[in-house]
């Protein structure tokens, strides 16, 4: 069995897919499987995938587009590694990423999830800097304190223990914010999330990415409020509500107030 399973969902990703796959296959650490799950792509993504003749690649094809959360949960269930690493089809791993993150989990048995810093790149691959919240919240204590406010962990930068991912599937009700909901659930149940204070991922931002397209259309604070609202409802239903959840509830109400303010400002400034 491989030490690490890298999960890479694919949907109409032909423009950047080869770069993403190559960055995984060229890792300094070699004890991994790369699970490519094609979620009903209609472009040349499958042609690119089938062009690889590498035994470390496992190809899973959805006959129709079922969405990212479905694909993630399916790939997690299929994964054979002790650790699972996330990867997106438009990002690029640093060559030492899998080596350093697997080593971290080996040496820190109490850590469930370890992320890393990332460098933001544009459509052409040019570096655009980094997110301050990515660098400001690094230790387990810092992440635990900040997460009720906002997501301070980049999803495709993480590696975690397979049994944790398998026990905590992504929630189908948290579309486009499924990672934030997962981090909240893990932290509420006492799991440790931290980061390696080193960039290990080039995180691409472009006009068609989920990050950009959704933020342009959505009141960010309202999106956070609704995510936390669904999360808290599930916690109360399960009877697990605790002090961490109280902090999330407090921040949810602040999000609602900010969302109302942003909505009012937008209405008042319309021409």
C-alpha atoms as a PDB file:
ATOM      1  CA  UNK A   1       0.000   0.000   0.000  1.00  0.00           C
ATOM      2  CA  UNK A   2       1.255   3.533  -0.729  1.00  0.00           C
ATOM      3  CA  UNK A   3       2.108   5.842   2.133  1.00  0.00           C
ATOM      4  CA  UNK A   4       0.235   8.766   0.555  1.00  0.00           C
ATOM      5  CA  UNK A   5      -2.828   9.010  -1.672  1.00  0.00           C
ATOM      6  CA  UNK A   6      -2.983  12.269  -3.622  1.00  0.00           C
ATOM      7  CA  UNK A   7      -6.561  13.156  -4.538  1.00  0.00           C
ATOM      8  CA  UNK A   8      -6.916  15.348  -7.622  1.00  0.00           C
ATOM      9  CA  UNK A   9     -10.466  16.032  -8.888  1.00  0.00           C
ATOM     10  CA  UNK A  10     -10.727  16.981 -12.550  1.00  0.00           C
ATOM     11  CA  UNK A  11     -13.497  18.886 -14.317  1.00  0.00           C
ATOM     12  CA  UNK A  12     -12.811  20.604 -17.647  1.00  0.00           C
ATOM     13  CA  UNK A  13      -9.261  21.308 -16.529  1.00  0.00           C
ATOM     14  CA  UNK A  14      -7.355  20.835 -19.790  1.00  0.00           C
ATOM     15  CA  UNK A  15      -5.542  24.181 -19.645  1.00  0.00           C
ATOM     16  CA  UNK A  16      -3.543  23.488 -16.471  1.00  0.00           C
ATOM     17  CA  UNK A  17      -4.013  19.760 -15.840  1.00  0.00           C
ATOM     18  CA  UNK A  18      -0.686  18.540 -17.222  1.00  0.00           C
ATOM     19  CA  UNK A  19       1.245  20.966 -15.040  1.00  0.00           C
ATOM     20  CA  UNK A  20      -0.662  19.788 -11.977  1.00  0.00           C
ATOM     21  CA  UNK A  21      -0.146  16.087 -12.708  1.00  0.00           C
ATOM     22  CA  UNK A  22       3.532  16.522 -13.561  1.00  0.00           C
ATOM     23  CA  UNK A  23       4.157  18.396 -10.310  1.00  0.00           C
ATOM     24  CA  UNK A  24       2.890  15.362  -8.391  1.00  0.00           C
ATOM     25  CA  UNK A  25       4.718  12.752 -10.453  1.00  0.00           C
ATOM     26  CA  UNK A  26       8.008  14.656 -10.073  1.00  0.00           C
ATOM     27  CA  UNK A  27       7.915  14.660  -6.272  1.00  0.00           C
ATOM     28  CA  UNK A  28      11.114  13.891  -4.355  1.00  0.00           C
ATOM     29  CA  UNK A  29       8.992  11.486  -2.267  1.00  0.00           C
ATOM     30  CA  UNK A  30       7.912   8.505  -4.341  1.00  0.00           C
ATOM     31  CA  UNK A  31       5.696   6.342  -2.096  1.00  0.00           C
ATOM     32  CA  UNK A  32       2.325   7.605  -3.320  1.00  0.00           C
ATOM     33  CA  UNK A  33      -0.635   6.950  -5.569  1.00  0.00           C
ATOM     34  CA  UNK A  34      -2.238   9.727  -7.586  1.00  0.00           C
ATOM     35  CA  UNK A  35      -6.017   9.391  -7.804  1.00  0.00           C
ATOM     36  CA  UNK A  36      -7.366  11.359 -10.754  1.00  0.00           C
ATOM     37  CA  UNK A  37     -11.148  11.510 -10.602  1.00  0.00           C
ATOM     38  CA  UNK A  38     -12.716  12.914 -13.760  1.00  0.00           C
ATOM     39  CA  UNK A  39     -16.107  14.403 -12.937  1.00  0.00           C
ATOM     40  CA  UNK A  40     -17.743  14.241 -16.356  1.00  0.00           C
ATOM     41  CA  UNK A  41     -15.362  16.581 -18.186  1.00  0.00           C
ATOM     42  CA  UNK A  42     -16.411  17.615 -21.696  1.00  0.00           C
ATOM     43  CA  UNK A  43     -13.048  19.022 -22.782  1.00  0.00           C
ATOM     44  CA  UNK A  44      -9.751  17.176 -23.434  1.00  0.00           C
ATOM     45  CA  UNK A  45      -9.045  16.408 -19.773  1.00  0.00           C
ATOM     46  CA  UNK A  46      -9.513  12.662 -20.280  1.00  0.00           C
ATOM     47  CA  UNK A  47      -7.185  12.636 -23.294  1.00  0.00           C
ATOM     48  CA  UNK A  48      -4.495  14.267 -21.163  1.00  0.00           C
ATOM     49  CA  UNK A  49      -5.010  11.763 -18.334  1.00  0.00           C
ATOM     50  CA  UNK A  50      -4.946   8.732 -20.642  1.00  0.00           C
ATOM     51  CA  UNK A  51      -1.697   9.995 -22.148  1.00  0.00           C
ATOM     52  CA  UNK A  52       0.100   9.037 -18.938  1.00  0.00           C
ATOM     53  CA  UNK A  53       1.386   5.479 -18.600  1.00  0.00           C
ATOM     54  CA  UNK A  54       2.400   5.660 -14.975  1.00  0.00           C
ATOM     55  CA  UNK A  55       1.486   2.879 -12.560  1.00  0.00           C
ATOM     56  CA  UNK A  56       1.163   5.348  -9.685  1.00  0.00           C
ATOM     57  CA  UNK A  57      -1.877   6.895 -11.363  1.00  0.00           C
ATOM     58  CA  UNK A  58      -5.336   5.529 -10.586  1.00  0.00           C
ATOM     59  CA  UNK A  59      -8.005   6.879 -12.892  1.00  0.00           C
ATOM     60  CA  UNK A  60     -11.649   7.092 -11.800  1.00  0.00           C
ATOM     61  CA  UNK A  61     -14.275   8.386 -14.201  1.00  0.00           C
ATOM     62  CA  UNK A  62     -17.724   9.669 -13.280  1.00  0.00           C
ATOM     63  CA  UNK A  63     -20.090   9.156 -16.171  1.00  0.00           C
ATOM     64  CA  UNK A  64     -21.713  12.519 -15.466  1.00  0.00           C
ATOM     65  CA  UNK A  65     -20.829  15.682 -13.596  1.00  0.00           C
ATOM     66  CA  UNK A  66     -21.711  15.001  -9.961  1.00  0.00           C
ATOM     67  CA  UNK A  67     -19.891  17.927  -8.381  1.00  0.00           C
ATOM     68  CA  UNK A  68     -16.713  18.353  -6.372  1.00  0.00           C
ATOM     69  CA  UNK A  69     -18.025  17.066  -3.041  1.00  0.00           C
ATOM     70  CA  UNK A  70     -19.237  13.806  -4.584  1.00  0.00           C
ATOM     71  CA  UNK A  71     -15.885  13.325  -6.299  1.00  0.00           C
ATOM     72  CA  UNK A  72     -13.881  14.090  -3.177  1.00  0.00           C
ATOM     73  CA  UNK A  73     -15.835  11.635  -1.050  1.00  0.00           C
ATOM     74  CA  UNK A  74     -15.609   8.954  -3.728  1.00  0.00           C
ATOM     75  CA  UNK A  75     -11.846   9.399  -4.031  1.00  0.00           C
ATOM     76  CA  UNK A  76     -11.382   9.373  -0.243  1.00  0.00           C
ATOM     77  CA  UNK A  77     -13.282   6.085  -0.047  1.00  0.00           C
ATOM     78  CA  UNK A  78     -11.084   4.596  -2.786  1.00  0.00           C
ATOM     79  CA  UNK A  79      -7.782   5.850  -1.352  1.00  0.00           C
ATOM     80  CA  UNK A  80      -5.356   3.216  -0.066  1.00  0.00           C
ATOM     81  CA  UNK A  81      -2.715   5.434   1.530  1.00  0.00           C
ATOM     82  CA  UNK A  82      -2.074   6.040   5.207  1.00  0.00           C
ATOM     83  CA  UNK A  83      -2.138   9.765   4.483  1.00  0.00           C
ATOM     84  CA  UNK A  84      -4.286  11.721   2.016  1.00  0.00           C
ATOM     85  CA  UNK A  85      -3.100  14.852   0.216  1.00  0.00           C
ATOM     86  CA  UNK A  86      -5.411  17.254  -1.603  1.00  0.00           C
ATOM     87  CA  UNK A  87      -4.533  18.785  -4.921  1.00  0.00           C
ATOM     88  CA  UNK A  88      -6.456  20.841  -7.484  1.00  0.00           C
ATOM     89  CA  UNK A  89      -6.134  20.555 -11.239  1.00  0.00           C
ATOM     90  CA  UNK A  90      -4.898  24.127 -11.705  1.00  0.00           C
ATOM     91  CA  UNK A  91      -2.303  24.233  -8.915  1.00  0.00           C
ATOM     92  CA  UNK A  92       1.346  23.156  -8.788  1.00  0.00           C
ATOM     93  CA  UNK A  93       3.107  21.252  -5.996  1.00  0.00           C
ATOM     94  CA  UNK A  94       6.637  22.112  -4.953  1.00  0.00           C
ATOM     95  CA  UNK A  95       8.888  19.041  -5.461  1.00  0.00           C
ATOM     96  CA  UNK A  96       9.388  18.536  -1.725  1.00  0.00           C
ATOM     97  CA  UNK A  97       5.740  18.879  -0.720  1.00  0.00           C
ATOM     98  CA  UNK A  98       4.812  15.226  -0.128  1.00  0.00           C
ATOM     99  CA  UNK A  99       8.126  14.471   1.533  1.00  0.00           C
ATOM    100  CA  UNK A 100       7.884  17.295   4.067  1.00  0.00           C
ATOM    101  CA  UNK A 101       4.202  16.844   4.883  1.00  0.00           C
ATOM    102  CA  UNK A 102       4.408  13.059   5.292  1.00  0.00           C
ATOM    103  CA  UNK A 103       7.504  13.523   7.466  1.00  0.00           C
ATOM    104  CA  UNK A 104       5.601  16.059   9.585  1.00  0.00           C
ATOM    105  CA  UNK A 105       2.734  13.628  10.165  1.00  0.00           C
ATOM    106  CA  UNK A 106       5.211  10.848  10.977  1.00  0.00           C
ATOM    107  CA  UNK A 107       6.885  13.027  13.608  1.00  0.00           C
ATOM    108  CA  UNK A 108       3.692  14.595  15.027  1.00  0.00           C
ATOM    109  CA  UNK A 109       1.277  11.716  15.740  1.00  0.00           C
ATOM    110  CA  UNK A 110      -1.198  14.091  17.397  1.00  0.00           C
ATOM    111  CA  UNK A 111      -1.656  16.121  14.213  1.00  0.00           C
ATOM    112  CA  UNK A 112      -4.634  15.221  12.023  1.00  0.00           C
ATOM    113  CA  UNK A 113      -4.146  17.725   9.184  1.00  0.00           C
ATOM    114  CA  UNK A 114      -1.077  19.667   8.102  1.00  0.00           C
ATOM    115  CA  UNK A 115      -1.201  22.441   5.532  1.00  0.00           C
ATOM    116  CA  UNK A 116       1.496  24.734   4.222  1.00  0.00           C
ATOM    117  CA  UNK A 117       2.085  28.242   2.992  1.00  0.00           C
ATOM    118  CA  UNK A 118       1.328  28.834  -0.670  1.00  0.00           C
ATOM    119  CA  UNK A 119       2.338  31.302  -3.348  1.00  0.00           C
ATOM    120  CA  UNK A 120      -0.459  32.737  -5.484  1.00  0.00           C
ATOM    121  CA  UNK A 121       0.064  32.607  -9.249  1.00  0.00           C
ATOM    122  CA  UNK A 122      -1.990  33.968 -12.133  1.00  0.00           C
ATOM    123  CA  UNK A 123      -3.192  32.304 -15.320  1.00  0.00           C
ATOM    124  CA  UNK A 124       0.270  32.446 -16.880  1.00  0.00           C
ATOM    125  CA  UNK A 125       2.023  31.138 -13.776  1.00  0.00           C
ATOM    126  CA  UNK A 126       3.452  34.501 -12.711  1.00  0.00           C
ATOM    127  CA  UNK A 127       3.777  34.936  -8.949  1.00  0.00           C
ATOM    128  CA  UNK A 128       1.301  37.385  -7.395  1.00  0.00           C
ATOM    129  CA  UNK A 129       2.384  37.209  -3.757  1.00  0.00           C
ATOM    130  CA  UNK A 130       0.537  35.470  -0.954  1.00  0.00           C
ATOM    131  CA  UNK A 131      -2.471  35.800   1.332  1.00  0.00           C
ATOM    132  CA  UNK A 132      -1.671  37.376   4.701  1.00  0.00           C
ATOM    133  CA  UNK A 133      -4.056  35.079   6.550  1.00  0.00           C
ATOM    134  CA  UNK A 134      -2.168  32.143   5.064  1.00  0.00           C
ATOM    135  CA  UNK A 135       1.025  33.314   6.812  1.00  0.00           C
ATOM    136  CA  UNK A 136      -0.495  34.852   9.966  1.00  0.00           C
ATOM    137  CA  UNK A 137      -2.101  31.652  11.305  1.00  0.00           C
ATOM    138  CA  UNK A 138       0.360  28.769  11.452  1.00  0.00           C
ATOM    139  CA  UNK A 139       0.406  26.930  14.775  1.00  0.00           C
ATOM    140  CA  UNK A 140      -2.381  24.670  15.988  1.00  0.00           C
ATOM    141  CA  UNK A 141      -3.381  27.266  18.603  1.00  0.00           C
ATOM    142  CA  UNK A 142      -3.448  30.110  16.067  1.00  0.00           C
ATOM    143  CA  UNK A 143      -5.522  28.122  13.587  1.00  0.00           C
ATOM    144  CA  UNK A 144      -7.958  26.950  16.257  1.00  0.00           C
ATOM    145  CA  UNK A 145      -8.442  30.543  17.443  1.00  0.00           C
ATOM    146  CA  UNK A 146      -8.920  31.991  13.962  1.00  0.00           C
ATOM    147  CA  UNK A 147     -11.018  29.334  12.263  1.00  0.00           C
ATOM    148  CA  UNK A 148     -14.363  30.368  13.851  1.00  0.00           C
ATOM    149  CA  UNK A 149     -13.814  33.752  12.182  1.00  0.00           C
ATOM    150  CA  UNK A 150     -12.674  32.638   8.733  1.00  0.00           C
ATOM    151  CA  UNK A 151     -10.999  29.839   6.833  1.00  0.00           C
ATOM    152  CA  UNK A 152      -7.241  30.299   7.166  1.00  0.00           C
ATOM    153  CA  UNK A 153      -6.212  27.012   5.513  1.00  0.00           C
ATOM    154  CA  UNK A 154      -5.830  26.518   1.748  1.00  0.00           C
ATOM    155  CA  UNK A 155      -7.655  23.328   0.798  1.00  0.00           C
ATOM    156  CA  UNK A 156      -5.294  21.975  -1.891  1.00  0.00           C
ATOM    157  CA  UNK A 157      -2.303  22.525   0.408  1.00  0.00           C
ATOM    158  CA  UNK A 158      -3.305  19.950   3.022  1.00  0.00           C
ATOM    159  CA  UNK A 159      -2.257  16.421   3.870  1.00  0.00           C
ATOM    160  CA  UNK A 160      -3.970  14.457   6.616  1.00  0.00           C
ATOM    161  CA  UNK A 161      -4.507  11.047   8.107  1.00  0.00           C
ATOM    162  CA  UNK A 162      -6.698   8.848   5.938  1.00  0.00           C
ATOM    163  CA  UNK A 163      -8.781   7.575   8.838  1.00  0.00           C
ATOM    164  CA  UNK A 164      -9.752  11.155   9.678  1.00  0.00           C
ATOM    165  CA  UNK A 165     -10.879  11.975   6.133  1.00  0.00           C
ATOM    166  CA  UNK A 166     -12.776   8.703   5.930  1.00  0.00           C
ATOM    167  CA  UNK A 167     -14.528   9.329   9.266  1.00  0.00           C
ATOM    168  CA  UNK A 168     -15.443  12.915   8.331  1.00  0.00           C
ATOM    169  CA  UNK A 169     -16.763  12.988   4.746  1.00  0.00           C
ATOM    170  CA  UNK A 170     -17.325  16.329   3.080  1.00  0.00           C
ATOM    171  CA  UNK A 171     -20.860  17.628   3.607  1.00  0.00           C
ATOM    172  CA  UNK A 172     -23.028  17.798   0.493  1.00  0.00           C
ATOM    173  CA  UNK A 173     -24.858  20.806   1.983  1.00  0.00           C
ATOM    174  CA  UNK A 174     -21.703  22.945   2.011  1.00  0.00           C
ATOM    175  CA  UNK A 175     -21.111  23.432  -1.704  1.00  0.00           C
ATOM    176  CA  UNK A 176     -18.101  25.626  -2.570  1.00  0.00           C
ATOM    177  CA  UNK A 177     -17.215  25.935   1.118  1.00  0.00           C
ATOM    178  CA  UNK A 178     -16.916  22.236   1.973  1.00  0.00           C
ATOM    179  CA  UNK A 179     -13.349  22.524   3.264  1.00  0.00           C
ATOM    180  CA  UNK A 180     -14.201  25.235   5.811  1.00  0.00           C
ATOM    181  CA  UNK A 181     -17.049  23.140   7.176  1.00  0.00           C
ATOM    182  CA  UNK A 182     -14.702  20.144   7.487  1.00  0.00           C
ATOM    183  CA  UNK A 183     -12.060  22.122   9.390  1.00  0.00           C
ATOM    184  CA  UNK A 184     -14.726  23.412  11.796  1.00  0.00           C
ATOM    185  CA  UNK A 185     -16.009  19.900  12.476  1.00  0.00           C
ATOM    186  CA  UNK A 186     -12.528  18.548  13.082  1.00  0.00           C
ATOM    187  CA  UNK A 187     -11.514  21.364  15.413  1.00  0.00           C
ATOM    188  CA  UNK A 188     -14.780  21.125  17.339  1.00  0.00           C
ATOM    189  CA  UNK A 189     -14.045  17.453  17.988  1.00  0.00           C
ATOM    190  CA  UNK A 190     -10.550  18.200  19.230  1.00  0.00           C
ATOM    191  CA  UNK A 191      -8.415  17.347  16.209  1.00  0.00           C
ATOM    192  CA  UNK A 192      -5.187  19.249  15.618  1.00  0.00           C
ATOM    193  CA  UNK A 193      -4.668  21.241  12.407  1.00  0.00           C
ATOM    194  CA  UNK A 194      -1.415  23.096  11.757  1.00  0.00           C
ATOM    195  CA  UNK A 195       0.851  24.281   8.954  1.00  0.00           C
ATOM    196  CA  UNK A 196       4.403  23.887   7.817  1.00  0.00           C
ATOM    197  CA  UNK A 197       5.743  27.443   7.700  1.00  0.00           C
ATOM    198  CA  UNK A 198       7.074  27.077   4.190  1.00  0.00           C
ATOM    199  CA  UNK A 199       5.440  27.452   0.747  1.00  0.00           C
ATOM    200  CA  UNK A 200       4.788  24.040  -0.772  1.00  0.00           C
ATOM    201  CA  UNK A 201       2.107  24.926  -3.309  1.00  0.00           C
ATOM    202  CA  UNK A 202       1.596  27.362  -6.167  1.00  0.00           C
ATOM    203  CA  UNK A 203      -2.076  28.306  -5.787  1.00  0.00           C
ATOM    204  CA  UNK A 204      -3.532  29.522  -9.076  1.00  0.00           C
ATOM    205  CA  UNK A 205      -6.169  32.241  -9.174  1.00  0.00           C
ATOM    206  CA  UNK A 206      -7.897  32.920 -12.494  1.00  0.00           C
ATOM    207  CA  UNK A 207     -11.191  34.180 -13.834  1.00  0.00           C
ATOM    208  CA  UNK A 208     -12.793  30.735 -14.121  1.00  0.00           C
ATOM    209  CA  UNK A 209     -11.652  29.388 -10.758  1.00  0.00           C
ATOM    210  CA  UNK A 210     -14.283  28.707  -8.101  1.00  0.00           C
ATOM    211  CA  UNK A 211     -12.583  31.126  -5.739  1.00  0.00           C
ATOM    212  CA  UNK A 212     -12.881  34.073  -8.095  1.00  0.00           C
ATOM    213  CA  UNK A 213     -16.190  33.336  -9.792  1.00  0.00           C
ATOM    214  CA  UNK A 214     -18.074  32.683  -6.565  1.00  0.00           C
ATOM    215  CA  UNK A 215     -16.646  35.659  -4.675  1.00  0.00           C
ATOM    216  CA  UNK A 216     -17.676  37.997  -7.485  1.00  0.00           C
ATOM    217  CA  UNK A 217     -21.277  36.870  -7.214  1.00  0.00           C
ATOM    218  CA  UNK A 218     -21.651  36.307  -3.472  1.00  0.00           C
ATOM    219  CA  UNK A 219     -21.794  38.493  -0.394  1.00  0.00           C
ATOM    220  CA  UNK A 220     -18.753  36.966   1.310  1.00  0.00           C
ATOM    221  CA  UNK A 221     -20.040  37.526   4.856  1.00  0.00           C
ATOM    222  CA  UNK A 222     -23.435  36.047   4.020  1.00  0.00           C
ATOM    223  CA  UNK A 223     -21.717  32.994   2.546  1.00  0.00           C
ATOM    224  CA  UNK A 224     -19.767  32.528   5.792  1.00  0.00           C
ATOM    225  CA  UNK A 225     -22.899  33.022   7.890  1.00  0.00           C
ATOM    226  CA  UNK A 226     -24.822  30.372   5.974  1.00  0.00           C
ATOM    227  CA  UNK A 227     -21.924  27.917   6.188  1.00  0.00           C
ATOM    228  CA  UNK A 228     -21.698  28.378   9.953  1.00  0.00           C
ATOM    229  CA  UNK A 229     -25.476  28.231  10.286  1.00  0.00           C
ATOM    230  CA  UNK A 230     -25.587  24.827   8.579  1.00  0.00           C
ATOM    231  CA  UNK A 231     -22.575  23.645  10.559  1.00  0.00           C
ATOM    232  CA  UNK A 232     -24.131  24.692  13.889  1.00  0.00           C
ATOM    233  CA  UNK A 233     -27.469  23.091  13.039  1.00  0.00           C
ATOM    234  CA  UNK A 234     -25.696  19.787  12.370  1.00  0.00           C
ATOM    235  CA  UNK A 235     -23.745  20.080  15.622  1.00  0.00           C
ATOM    236  CA  UNK A 236     -26.875  20.696  17.669  1.00  0.00           C
ATOM    237  CA  UNK A 237     -28.656  17.826  15.960  1.00  0.00           C
ATOM    238  CA  UNK A 238     -25.776  15.509  16.863  1.00  0.00           C
ATOM    239  CA  UNK A 239     -25.761  16.683  20.481  1.00  0.00           C
ATOM    240  CA  UNK A 240     -22.090  17.664  20.309  1.00  0.00           C
ATOM    241  CA  UNK A 241     -22.446  21.426  20.885  1.00  0.00           C
ATOM    242  CA  UNK A 242     -19.476  22.750  22.923  1.00  0.00           C
ATOM    243  CA  UNK A 243     -17.414  25.854  23.718  1.00  0.00           C
ATOM    244  CA  UNK A 244     -15.799  25.914  20.280  1.00  0.00           C
ATOM    245  CA  UNK A 245     -19.258  25.935  18.715  1.00  0.00           C
ATOM    246  CA  UNK A 246     -20.247  28.894  20.882  1.00  0.00           C
ATOM    247  CA  UNK A 247     -17.377  30.842  19.341  1.00  0.00           C
ATOM    248  CA  UNK A 248     -18.526  29.830  15.869  1.00  0.00           C
ATOM    249  CA  UNK A 249     -22.076  30.951  16.740  1.00  0.00           C
ATOM    250  CA  UNK A 250     -20.792  34.345  17.935  1.00  0.00           C
ATOM    251  CA  UNK A 251     -18.823  34.866  14.725  1.00  0.00           C
ATOM    252  CA  UNK A 252     -21.824  33.757  12.644  1.00  0.00           C
ATOM    253  CA  UNK A 253     -23.912  36.550  14.121  1.00  0.00           C
ATOM    254  CA  UNK A 254     -21.117  39.039  13.401  1.00  0.00           C
ATOM    255  CA  UNK A 255     -21.007  37.732   9.818  1.00  0.00           C
ATOM    256  CA  UNK A 256     -24.746  38.318   9.507  1.00  0.00           C
ATOM    257  CA  UNK A 257     -24.343  41.907  10.656  1.00  0.00           C
ATOM    258  CA  UNK A 258     -21.479  42.521   8.249  1.00  0.00           C
ATOM    259  CA  UNK A 259     -23.452  40.905   5.427  1.00  0.00           C
ATOM    260  CA  UNK A 260     -26.381  43.227   6.089  1.00  0.00           C
ATOM    261  CA  UNK A 261     -24.038  46.205   6.095  1.00  0.00           C
ATOM    262  CA  UNK A 262     -22.398  45.158   2.847  1.00  0.00           C
ATOM    263  CA  UNK A 263     -25.789  44.552   1.242  1.00  0.00           C
ATOM    264  CA  UNK A 264     -27.043  47.968   2.339  1.00  0.00           C
ATOM    265  CA  UNK A 265     -23.893  49.685   1.050  1.00  0.00           C
ATOM    266  CA  UNK A 266     -24.276  47.967  -2.314  1.00  0.00           C
ATOM    267  CA  UNK A 267     -27.932  49.025  -2.522  1.00  0.00           C
ATOM    268  CA  UNK A 268     -27.160  52.633  -1.599  1.00  0.00           C
ATOM    269  CA  UNK A 269     -24.308  52.973  -4.086  1.00  0.00           C
ATOM    270  CA  UNK A 270     -26.235  51.554  -7.039  1.00  0.00           C
ATOM    271  CA  UNK A 271     -26.777  53.973  -9.880  1.00  0.00           C
END
